Amino acid sequence: QVQLVESGGGLVQAGGSLRLSCAASGNISRPNVVSWYRQAPGKQRELVATIVSGGMRSYADSVKGRFAISRGDAKNTVYLQMNTLKPEDTAVYSCNYQAFSGARVYWGQGTQVTVSS
């Protein structure tokens, strides 16, 4: 009932920036929690950033000060602004949605971010 589509990934040089988008459609409930995760080959998926209805945000220590998560105004979209990218940021980035009222979590298909030295 909820579909998430990530976009904005690509190949960038170290020090560059990308803005990822997570567009949600379907039966969006509020309040909710939207998170960005990433997973590199051979690594466990890790939580990158979270935004909660009401505006509270949190970040992994590894991206704090470089990444910013935000909500779009009217398009059920969550963004992840990624600055000062490092090669270790290379991963598939996926967004995750969960309504407070529901136990099910929804995932997008992921978007590849590759940061070259």
N, C-alpha and C. Protein backbone atom coordinates (compact mmCIF):
# COMPACT_ATOMS: atom_id res chain seq x y z
N GLN A 1 0.80 -1.21 0.00
CA GLN A 1 0.00 0.00 0.00
C GLN A 1 0.84 1.26 0.00
N VAL A 2 2.11 1.14 0.25
CA VAL A 2 3.03 2.26 0.16
C VAL A 2 4.16 1.86 -0.76
N GLN A 3 4.46 2.72 -1.68
CA GLN A 3 5.59 2.52 -2.57
C GLN A 3 6.58 3.65 -2.39
N LEU A 4 7.83 3.28 -2.36
CA LEU A 4 8.91 4.24 -2.20
C LEU A 4 9.85 4.10 -3.39
N VAL A 5 10.20 5.20 -3.98
CA VAL A 5 11.09 5.21 -5.12
C VAL A 5 12.22 6.19 -4.84
N GLU A 6 13.42 5.66 -4.79
CA GLU A 6 14.59 6.50 -4.59
C GLU A 6 15.15 6.94 -5.94
N SER A 7 15.75 8.09 -5.93
CA SER A 7 16.43 8.58 -7.11
C SER A 7 17.54 9.52 -6.67
N GLY A 8 18.39 9.86 -7.59
CA GLY A 8 19.42 10.83 -7.33
C GLY A 8 20.81 10.26 -7.14
N GLY A 9 20.92 8.96 -7.10
CA GLY A 9 22.24 8.37 -6.95
C GLY A 9 23.07 8.53 -8.21
N GLY A 10 24.31 8.20 -8.08
CA GLY A 10 25.20 8.32 -9.21
C GLY A 10 26.64 8.14 -8.80
N LEU A 11 27.51 8.47 -9.70
CA LEU A 11 28.94 8.38 -9.49
C LEU A 11 29.50 9.78 -9.35
N VAL A 12 30.15 10.04 -8.24
CA VAL A 12 30.69 11.36 -7.99
C VAL A 12 32.10 11.24 -7.45
N GLN A 13 32.83 12.32 -7.56
CA GLN A 13 34.16 12.40 -7.00
C GLN A 13 34.10 12.66 -5.50
N ALA A 14 35.10 12.18 -4.81
CA ALA A 14 35.21 12.50 -3.39
C ALA A 14 35.17 14.01 -3.20
N GLY A 15 34.45 14.42 -2.18
CA GLY A 15 34.25 15.82 -1.92
C GLY A 15 33.03 16.41 -2.59
N GLY A 16 32.43 15.67 -3.48
CA GLY A 16 31.26 16.14 -4.18
C GLY A 16 29.99 15.96 -3.38
N SER A 17 28.88 16.28 -4.03
CA SER A 17 27.58 16.25 -3.38
C SER A 17 26.56 15.55 -4.25
N LEU A 18 25.59 14.96 -3.59
CA LEU A 18 24.42 14.40 -4.24
C LEU A 18 23.22 14.69 -3.37
N ARG A 19 22.07 14.76 -4.02
CA ARG A 19 20.82 14.87 -3.30
C ARG A 19 19.94 13.70 -3.69
N LEU A 20 19.69 12.83 -2.74
CA LEU A 20 18.83 11.70 -2.97
C LEU A 20 17.39 12.07 -2.64
N SER A 21 16.48 11.48 -3.38
CA SER A 21 15.06 11.68 -3.15
C SER A 21 14.39 10.35 -2.88
N CYS A 22 13.45 10.37 -1.99
CA CYS A 22 12.59 9.22 -1.73
C CYS A 22 11.16 9.69 -1.89
N ALA A 23 10.54 9.28 -2.98
CA ALA A 23 9.17 9.67 -3.28
C ALA A 23 8.23 8.56 -2.85
N ALA A 24 7.30 8.90 -2.00
CA ALA A 24 6.35 7.94 -1.48
C ALA A 24 4.99 8.12 -2.14
N SER A 25 4.33 7.01 -2.38
CA SER A 25 2.97 7.04 -2.90
C SER A 25 2.17 5.94 -2.25
N GLY A 26 0.87 6.05 -2.39
CA GLY A 26 -0.02 5.08 -1.78
C GLY A 26 -0.65 5.63 -0.53
N ASN A 27 -0.86 4.76 0.40
CA ASN A 27 -1.57 5.10 1.62
C ASN A 27 -0.58 5.58 2.68
N ILE A 28 -0.25 6.84 2.58
CA ILE A 28 0.70 7.44 3.50
C ILE A 28 -0.02 7.89 4.75
N SER A 29 0.43 7.41 5.86
CA SER A 29 -0.14 7.77 7.14
C SER A 29 0.82 8.67 7.91
N ARG A 30 0.25 9.53 8.68
CA ARG A 30 1.03 10.40 9.55
C ARG A 30 0.47 10.35 10.95
N PRO A 31 1.30 10.38 11.94
CA PRO A 31 2.75 10.57 11.84
C PRO A 31 3.49 9.33 11.35
N ASN A 32 4.70 9.55 10.91
CA ASN A 32 5.49 8.44 10.41
C ASN A 32 6.97 8.73 10.63
N VAL A 33 7.74 7.74 10.31
CA VAL A 33 9.19 7.83 10.39
C VAL A 33 9.75 7.42 9.05
N VAL A 34 10.63 8.22 8.52
CA VAL A 34 11.32 7.90 7.28
C VAL A 34 12.81 7.90 7.56
N SER A 35 13.46 6.87 7.08
CA SER A 35 14.89 6.73 7.30
C SER A 35 15.59 6.43 5.99
N TRP A 36 16.83 6.81 5.94
CA TRP A 36 17.73 6.38 4.89
C TRP A 36 18.70 5.37 5.47
N TYR A 37 18.83 4.27 4.77
CA TYR A 37 19.82 3.25 5.09
C TYR A 37 20.78 3.12 3.92
N ARG A 38 21.90 2.51 4.20
CA ARG A 38 22.82 2.19 3.13
C ARG A 38 23.45 0.83 3.39
N GLN A 39 23.82 0.19 2.31
CA GLN A 39 24.46 -1.11 2.41
C GLN A 39 25.50 -1.24 1.32
N ALA A 40 26.71 -1.46 1.74
CA ALA A 40 27.80 -1.72 0.82
C ALA A 40 27.98 -3.22 0.66
N PRO A 41 28.56 -3.65 -0.45
CA PRO A 41 28.76 -5.09 -0.65
C PRO A 41 29.54 -5.71 0.50
N GLY A 42 29.04 -6.81 1.00
CA GLY A 42 29.69 -7.51 2.08
C GLY A 42 29.52 -6.88 3.45
N LYS A 43 28.74 -5.83 3.52
CA LYS A 43 28.53 -5.14 4.78
C LYS A 43 27.07 -5.23 5.19
N GLN A 44 26.83 -5.09 6.45
CA GLN A 44 25.46 -5.01 6.93
C GLN A 44 24.87 -3.65 6.61
N ARG A 45 23.58 -3.65 6.44
CA ARG A 45 22.87 -2.40 6.23
C ARG A 45 22.98 -1.54 7.49
N GLU A 46 23.22 -0.27 7.29
CA GLU A 46 23.34 0.63 8.41
C GLU A 46 22.39 1.81 8.25
N LEU A 47 21.93 2.27 9.36
CA LEU A 47 21.06 3.44 9.38
C LEU A 47 21.89 4.69 9.19
N VAL A 48 21.48 5.53 8.27
CA VAL A 48 22.19 6.75 7.95
C VAL A 48 21.53 7.96 8.58
N ALA A 49 20.24 8.09 8.39
CA ALA A 49 19.53 9.27 8.87
C ALA A 49 18.06 8.94 9.04
N THR A 50 17.43 9.63 9.94
CA THR A 50 16.02 9.43 10.23
C THR A 50 15.35 10.77 10.44
N ILE A 51 14.15 10.88 9.93
CA ILE A 51 13.33 12.05 10.21
C ILE A 51 11.96 11.58 10.65
N VAL A 52 11.47 12.17 11.71
CA VAL A 52 10.20 11.81 12.31
C VAL A 52 9.22 12.95 12.10
N SER A 53 7.96 12.61 11.90
CA SER A 53 6.92 13.64 11.85
C SER A 53 7.04 14.50 13.09
N GLY A 54 7.05 15.79 12.87
CA GLY A 54 7.35 16.72 13.94
C GLY A 54 8.72 17.34 13.79
N GLY A 55 9.55 16.74 12.96
CA GLY A 55 10.79 17.38 12.57
C GLY A 55 12.05 16.87 13.23
N MET A 56 11.95 15.95 14.16
CA MET A 56 13.14 15.45 14.81
C MET A 56 13.97 14.64 13.82
N ARG A 57 15.26 14.87 13.85
CA ARG A 57 16.19 14.23 12.94
C ARG A 57 17.33 13.60 13.71
N SER A 58 17.86 12.54 13.15
CA SER A 58 19.04 11.93 13.73
C SER A 58 19.91 11.40 12.61
N TYR A 59 21.20 11.28 12.91
CA TYR A 59 22.18 10.89 11.91
C TYR A 59 23.18 9.93 12.51
N ALA A 60 23.68 9.07 11.65
CA ALA A 60 24.82 8.27 12.05
C ALA A 60 26.02 9.18 12.26
N ASP A 61 26.85 8.80 13.19
CA ASP A 61 28.04 9.61 13.46
C ASP A 61 28.90 9.79 12.21
N SER A 62 28.93 8.80 11.36
CA SER A 62 29.79 8.84 10.20
C SER A 62 29.36 9.88 9.17
N VAL A 63 28.12 10.33 9.23
CA VAL A 63 27.62 11.30 8.26
C VAL A 63 27.21 12.61 8.90
N LYS A 64 27.23 12.69 10.19
CA LYS A 64 26.80 13.89 10.88
C LYS A 64 27.65 15.08 10.45
N GLY A 65 26.98 16.15 10.12
CA GLY A 65 27.65 17.33 9.64
C GLY A 65 27.85 17.37 8.14
N ARG A 66 27.65 16.24 7.48
CA ARG A 66 27.80 16.17 6.03
C ARG A 66 26.47 15.92 5.33
N PHE A 67 25.62 15.13 5.94
CA PHE A 67 24.34 14.77 5.34
C PHE A 67 23.22 15.50 6.07
N ALA A 68 22.15 15.75 5.35
CA ALA A 68 20.97 16.37 5.95
C ALA A 68 19.72 15.73 5.37
N ILE A 69 18.83 15.31 6.22
CA ILE A 69 17.57 14.73 5.80
C ILE A 69 16.47 15.77 5.97
N SER A 70 15.56 15.80 5.03
CA SER A 70 14.50 16.79 5.07
C SER A 70 13.27 16.26 4.35
N ARG A 71 12.15 16.89 4.60
CA ARG A 71 10.90 16.54 3.94
C ARG A 71 10.52 17.60 2.92
N GLY A 72 10.00 17.16 1.79
CA GLY A 72 9.42 18.08 0.85
C GLY A 72 8.10 18.62 1.35
N ASP A 73 7.67 19.71 0.73
CA ASP A 73 6.49 20.39 1.24
C ASP A 73 5.19 19.65 0.94
N ALA A 74 5.03 19.19 -0.30
CA ALA A 74 3.72 18.69 -0.69
C ALA A 74 3.76 17.47 -1.61
N LYS A 75 4.85 16.76 -1.60
CA LYS A 75 4.99 15.66 -2.54
C LYS A 75 5.33 14.33 -1.89
N ASN A 76 5.13 14.25 -0.59
CA ASN A 76 5.47 13.02 0.12
C ASN A 76 6.87 12.55 -0.25
N THR A 77 7.76 13.48 -0.21
CA THR A 77 9.13 13.22 -0.59
C THR A 77 10.07 13.55 0.57
N VAL A 78 11.02 12.69 0.76
CA VAL A 78 12.08 12.93 1.73
C VAL A 78 13.39 12.96 0.98
N TYR A 79 14.22 13.91 1.34
CA TYR A 79 15.49 14.10 0.68
C TYR A 79 16.64 13.76 1.62
N LEU A 80 17.73 13.40 1.02
CA LEU A 80 18.97 13.25 1.74
C LEU A 80 20.03 14.03 0.98
N GLN A 81 20.38 15.17 1.51
CA GLN A 81 21.46 15.96 0.93
C GLN A 81 22.77 15.43 1.45
N MET A 82 23.64 15.06 0.55
CA MET A 82 24.89 14.42 0.89
C MET A 82 26.03 15.30 0.39
N ASN A 83 26.77 15.86 1.31
CA ASN A 83 27.88 16.74 0.98
C ASN A 83 29.18 16.12 1.44
N THR A 84 30.25 16.64 0.89
CA THR A 84 31.59 16.19 1.25
C THR A 84 31.66 14.67 1.23
N LEU A 85 31.23 14.11 0.14
CA LEU A 85 31.16 12.66 0.03
C LEU A 85 32.55 12.03 0.07
N LYS A 86 32.60 10.88 0.67
CA LYS A 86 33.83 10.12 0.82
C LYS A 86 33.68 8.77 0.14
N PRO A 87 34.77 8.15 -0.27
CA PRO A 87 34.65 6.82 -0.86
C PRO A 87 33.93 5.83 0.03
N GLU A 88 34.09 5.94 1.33
CA GLU A 88 33.42 5.03 2.23
C GLU A 88 31.91 5.24 2.29
N ASP A 89 31.42 6.29 1.66
CA ASP A 89 29.98 6.48 1.53
C ASP A 89 29.38 5.64 0.41
N THR A 90 30.21 5.01 -0.38
CA THR A 90 29.74 4.20 -1.49
C THR A 90 28.85 3.07 -0.96
N ALA A 91 27.65 2.99 -1.49
CA ALA A 91 26.69 1.99 -1.04
C ALA A 91 25.42 2.15 -1.85
N VAL A 92 24.54 1.18 -1.69
CA VAL A 92 23.17 1.33 -2.15
C VAL A 92 22.38 1.98 -1.03
N TYR A 93 21.75 3.08 -1.35
CA TYR A 93 20.98 3.82 -0.37
C TYR A 93 19.51 3.55 -0.58
N SER A 94 18.83 3.20 0.49
CA SER A 94 17.42 2.87 0.44
C SER A 94 16.66 3.67 1.47
N CYS A 95 15.46 4.05 1.13
CA CYS A 95 14.62 4.71 2.11
C CYS A 95 13.63 3.73 2.70
N ASN A 96 13.21 4.05 3.88
CA ASN A 96 12.40 3.17 4.71
C ASN A 96 11.31 4.02 5.35
N TYR A 97 10.11 3.50 5.31
CA TYR A 97 8.96 4.22 5.84
C TYR A 97 8.20 3.34 6.81
N GLN A 98 7.79 3.93 7.90
CA GLN A 98 6.93 3.23 8.84
C GLN A 98 5.99 4.22 9.49
N ALA A 99 4.70 3.95 9.39
CA ALA A 99 3.73 4.75 10.11
C ALA A 99 3.74 4.36 11.58
N PHE A 100 3.53 5.33 12.42
CA PHE A 100 3.45 5.03 13.85
C PHE A 100 2.36 4.01 14.14
N SER A 101 1.30 4.03 13.35
CA SER A 101 0.15 3.16 13.59
C SER A 101 0.32 1.76 13.02
N GLY A 102 1.38 1.51 12.30
CA GLY A 102 1.58 0.22 11.68
C GLY A 102 2.93 -0.37 11.99
N ALA A 103 2.96 -1.68 12.08
CA ALA A 103 4.21 -2.37 12.35
C ALA A 103 5.02 -2.62 11.08
N ARG A 104 4.37 -2.62 9.93
CA ARG A 104 5.07 -2.94 8.70
C ARG A 104 5.96 -1.79 8.26
N VAL A 105 7.11 -2.16 7.77
CA VAL A 105 8.01 -1.19 7.19
C VAL A 105 8.05 -1.38 5.68
N TYR A 106 8.25 -0.31 4.98
CA TYR A 106 8.31 -0.32 3.53
C TYR A 106 9.66 0.17 3.08
N TRP A 107 10.13 -0.44 2.01
CA TRP A 107 11.44 -0.13 1.46
C TRP A 107 11.34 0.25 0.01
N GLY A 108 12.17 1.17 -0.39
CA GLY A 108 12.35 1.45 -1.79
C GLY A 108 13.32 0.47 -2.41
N GLN A 109 13.53 0.64 -3.69
CA GLN A 109 14.38 -0.29 -4.43
C GLN A 109 15.87 0.00 -4.26
N GLY A 110 16.18 1.16 -3.79
CA GLY A 110 17.56 1.55 -3.59
C GLY A 110 18.13 2.30 -4.77
N THR A 111 19.08 3.14 -4.48
CA THR A 111 19.80 3.86 -5.51
C THR A 111 21.28 3.81 -5.20
N GLN A 112 22.06 3.55 -6.21
CA GLN A 112 23.49 3.35 -6.03
C GLN A 112 24.20 4.69 -5.94
N VAL A 113 25.02 4.82 -4.93
CA VAL A 113 25.91 5.96 -4.78
C VAL A 113 27.33 5.43 -4.80
N THR A 114 28.10 5.94 -5.72
CA THR A 114 29.49 5.54 -5.83
C THR A 114 30.36 6.80 -5.76
N VAL A 115 31.29 6.80 -4.85
CA VAL A 115 32.18 7.93 -4.64
C VAL A 115 33.59 7.48 -4.97
N SER A 116 34.18 8.10 -5.94
CA SER A 116 35.52 7.75 -6.36
C SER A 116 36.54 8.67 -5.73
N SER A 117 37.74 8.15 -5.55
CA SER A 117 38.82 8.94 -4.98
C SER A 117 39.36 9.94 -5.98
